[in-house]
Amino acid sequence: MPIIEIDNREFDVDGDGFLSNPELWNDEVAKLLAKSDGTGELSDKHWAVINYIREYWKVNNMAPMIRKICQNTNVRLAEIYALFPMGPAKGACKIAGLPKPDGCV
């Protein structure tokens, strides 16, 4: 299992850099992941998307489709791509500490 180090903290990740254990995620981990992937400082809109994705995942054991993210956070699709340059799956889900999504997020 690969390990990444960010600011002297180590995280077990899968081959794509997603946290191996989503339960270890917290706000500090999100900030570190955002810093390491170039997303930068997290704004209120970032947190709205991240928190929605996490809550949806806790209930459904899967990431929400992008349409649901937009509907439930009032963040437009273009904004999500601007907020998360790596996209909603690779960027937002990774920062939210979720496993790599199987389908279209």
C-alpha atoms as a PDB file:
ATOM      1  CA  MET A   1       0.000   0.000   0.000  1.00  0.00           C
ATOM      2  CA  PRO A   2       1.535   3.360  -1.013  1.00  0.00           C
ATOM      3  CA  ILE A   3       2.116   6.077   1.557  1.00  0.00           C
ATOM      4  CA  ILE A   4       2.130   9.813   0.863  1.00  0.00           C
ATOM      5  CA  GLU A   5       3.678  12.381   3.150  1.00  0.00           C
ATOM      6  CA  ILE A   6       2.258  15.883   3.481  1.00  0.00           C
ATOM      7  CA  ASP A   7       3.673  18.330   6.030  1.00  0.00           C
ATOM      8  CA  ASN A   8       5.360  15.512   7.970  1.00  0.00           C
ATOM      9  CA  ARG A   9       2.136  13.443   8.159  1.00  0.00           C
ATOM     10  CA  GLU A  10       1.880  10.093   6.449  1.00  0.00           C
ATOM     11  CA  PHE A  11      -1.265   8.695   4.849  1.00  0.00           C
ATOM     12  CA  ASP A  12      -1.938   5.224   3.454  1.00  0.00           C
ATOM     13  CA  VAL A  13      -3.405   5.633  -0.018  1.00  0.00           C
ATOM     14  CA  ASP A  14      -4.369   3.456  -2.935  1.00  0.00           C
ATOM     15  CA  GLY A  15      -2.532   3.512  -6.261  1.00  0.00           C
ATOM     16  CA  ASP A  16      -4.466   6.629  -7.322  1.00  0.00           C
ATOM     17  CA  GLY A  17      -3.730   8.582  -4.131  1.00  0.00           C
ATOM     18  CA  PHE A  18      -7.134   8.149  -2.456  1.00  0.00           C
ATOM     19  CA  LEU A  19      -7.138   7.532   1.311  1.00  0.00           C
ATOM     20  CA  SER A  20      -7.196   3.831   2.088  1.00  0.00           C
ATOM     21  CA  ASN A  21      -9.258   4.401   5.232  1.00  0.00           C
ATOM     22  CA  PRO A  22     -11.923   7.127   4.779  1.00  0.00           C
ATOM     23  CA  GLU A  23     -12.716   7.023   8.512  1.00  0.00           C
ATOM     24  CA  LEU A  24      -9.345   8.678   9.234  1.00  0.00           C
ATOM     25  CA  TRP A  25     -10.478  11.787   7.345  1.00  0.00           C
ATOM     26  CA  ASN A  26     -11.093  15.106   9.091  1.00  0.00           C
ATOM     27  CA  ASP A  27     -11.002  18.795   8.160  1.00  0.00           C
ATOM     28  CA  GLU A  28      -7.250  18.985   8.716  1.00  0.00           C
ATOM     29  CA  VAL A  29      -6.661  16.026   6.408  1.00  0.00           C
ATOM     30  CA  ALA A  30      -8.843  17.715   3.761  1.00  0.00           C
ATOM     31  CA  LYS A  31      -6.762  20.882   3.996  1.00  0.00           C
ATOM     32  CA  LEU A  32      -3.540  18.884   3.636  1.00  0.00           C
ATOM     33  CA  LEU A  33      -4.863  16.949   0.639  1.00  0.00           C
ATOM     34  CA  ALA A  34      -6.031  20.176  -1.009  1.00  0.00           C
ATOM     35  CA  LYS A  35      -2.637  21.737  -0.428  1.00  0.00           C
ATOM     36  CA  SER A  36      -0.809  18.747  -1.887  1.00  0.00           C
ATOM     37  CA  ASP A  37      -2.874  18.459  -5.073  1.00  0.00           C
ATOM     38  CA  GLY A  38      -2.765  22.153  -5.954  1.00  0.00           C
ATOM     39  CA  THR A  39      -6.357  22.983  -5.030  1.00  0.00           C
ATOM     40  CA  GLY A  40      -5.097  25.416  -2.419  1.00  0.00           C
ATOM     41  CA  GLU A  41      -7.008  26.959   0.459  1.00  0.00           C
ATOM     42  CA  LEU A  42     -10.545  25.661   0.840  1.00  0.00           C
ATOM     43  CA  SER A  43     -13.376  28.202   0.574  1.00  0.00           C
ATOM     44  CA  ASP A  44     -16.967  27.904   1.803  1.00  0.00           C
ATOM     45  CA  LYS A  45     -17.961  26.539  -1.617  1.00  0.00           C
ATOM     46  CA  HIS A  46     -15.238  23.892  -1.428  1.00  0.00           C
ATOM     47  CA  TRP A  47     -16.548  22.862   1.987  1.00  0.00           C
ATOM     48  CA  ALA A  48     -20.159  22.769   0.759  1.00  0.00           C
ATOM     49  CA  VAL A  49     -19.165  20.277  -1.950  1.00  0.00           C
ATOM     50  CA  ILE A  50     -16.845  18.268   0.318  1.00  0.00           C
ATOM     51  CA  ASN A  51     -19.374  18.020   3.148  1.00  0.00           C
ATOM     52  CA  TYR A  52     -22.200  17.031   0.803  1.00  0.00           C
ATOM     53  CA  ILE A  53     -20.061  14.349  -0.834  1.00  0.00           C
ATOM     54  CA  ARG A  54     -19.076  12.933   2.584  1.00  0.00           C
ATOM     55  CA  GLU A  55     -22.633  12.904   3.926  1.00  0.00           C
ATOM     56  CA  TYR A  56     -23.959  11.268   0.764  1.00  0.00           C
ATOM     57  CA  TRP A  57     -21.196   8.648   0.936  1.00  0.00           C
ATOM     58  CA  LYS A  58     -21.942   7.860   4.600  1.00  0.00           C
ATOM     59  CA  VAL A  59     -25.592   7.129   3.759  1.00  0.00           C
ATOM     60  CA  ASN A  60     -25.178   5.483   0.336  1.00  0.00           C
ATOM     61  CA  ASN A  61     -21.643   4.037   0.483  1.00  0.00           C
ATOM     62  CA  MET A  62     -20.883   5.681  -2.829  1.00  0.00           C
ATOM     63  CA  ALA A  63     -20.123   9.135  -4.185  1.00  0.00           C
ATOM     64  CA  PRO A  64     -23.032  11.185  -5.553  1.00  0.00           C
ATOM     65  CA  MET A  65     -23.446  11.938  -9.228  1.00  0.00           C
ATOM     66  CA  ILE A  66     -22.273  15.414 -10.207  1.00  0.00           C
ATOM     67  CA  ARG A  67     -25.862  16.496 -10.903  1.00  0.00           C
ATOM     68  CA  LYS A  68     -26.799  15.781  -7.260  1.00  0.00           C
ATOM     69  CA  ILE A  69     -23.764  17.703  -6.022  1.00  0.00           C
ATOM     70  CA  CYS A  70     -24.818  20.747  -8.034  1.00  0.00           C
ATOM     71  CA  GLN A  71     -28.475  20.501  -6.953  1.00  0.00           C
ATOM     72  CA  ASN A  72     -27.719  20.085  -3.257  1.00  0.00           C
ATOM     73  CA  THR A  73     -24.905  22.603  -2.880  1.00  0.00           C
ATOM     74  CA  ASN A  74     -26.077  25.323  -5.291  1.00  0.00           C
ATOM     75  CA  VAL A  75     -22.607  25.220  -6.835  1.00  0.00           C
ATOM     76  CA  ARG A  76     -22.729  25.202 -10.625  1.00  0.00           C
ATOM     77  CA  LEU A  77     -20.875  22.555 -12.623  1.00  0.00           C
ATOM     78  CA  ALA A  78     -18.409  25.067 -14.047  1.00  0.00           C
ATOM     79  CA  GLU A  79     -17.680  26.309 -10.517  1.00  0.00           C
ATOM     80  CA  ILE A  80     -16.982  22.782  -9.298  1.00  0.00           C
ATOM     81  CA  TYR A  81     -14.386  22.344 -12.028  1.00  0.00           C
ATOM     82  CA  ALA A  82     -12.889  25.734 -11.122  1.00  0.00           C
ATOM     83  CA  LEU A  83     -12.830  24.853  -7.410  1.00  0.00           C
ATOM     84  CA  PHE A  84     -11.407  21.371  -7.981  1.00  0.00           C
ATOM     85  CA  PRO A  85      -9.067  21.549 -10.986  1.00  0.00           C
ATOM     86  CA  MET A  86      -8.685  17.754 -10.944  1.00  0.00           C
ATOM     87  CA  GLY A  87     -12.477  17.430 -11.302  1.00  0.00           C
ATOM     88  CA  PRO A  88     -15.213  16.252  -8.972  1.00  0.00           C
ATOM     89  CA  ALA A  89     -14.068  12.604  -8.819  1.00  0.00           C
ATOM     90  CA  LYS A  90     -10.325  12.868  -8.670  1.00  0.00           C
ATOM     91  CA  GLY A  91     -10.273  16.231  -6.894  1.00  0.00           C
ATOM     92  CA  ALA A  92     -13.338  16.667  -4.715  1.00  0.00           C
ATOM     93  CA  CYS A  93     -13.744  13.004  -3.739  1.00  0.00           C
ATOM     94  CA  LYS A  94     -10.054  12.661  -2.961  1.00  0.00           C
ATOM     95  CA  ILE A  95     -10.052  15.764  -0.742  1.00  0.00           C
ATOM     96  CA  ALA A  96     -13.275  14.504   0.888  1.00  0.00           C
ATOM     97  CA  GLY A  97     -11.381  11.344   1.845  1.00  0.00           C
ATOM     98  CA  LEU A  98     -13.586   8.958  -0.122  1.00  0.00           C
ATOM     99  CA  PRO A  99     -12.391   5.870  -1.961  1.00  0.00           C
ATOM    100  CA  LYS A 100     -11.943   6.333  -5.696  1.00  0.00           C
ATOM    101  CA  PRO A 101     -15.437   6.497  -7.259  1.00  0.00           C
ATOM    102  CA  ASP A 102     -16.402   3.658  -9.580  1.00  0.00           C
ATOM    103  CA  GLY A 103     -18.681   5.552 -11.892  1.00  0.00           C
ATOM    104  CA  CYS A 104     -19.374   9.022 -13.108  1.00  0.00           C
ATOM    105  CA  VAL A 105     -19.324  11.600 -10.336  1.00  0.00           C
END
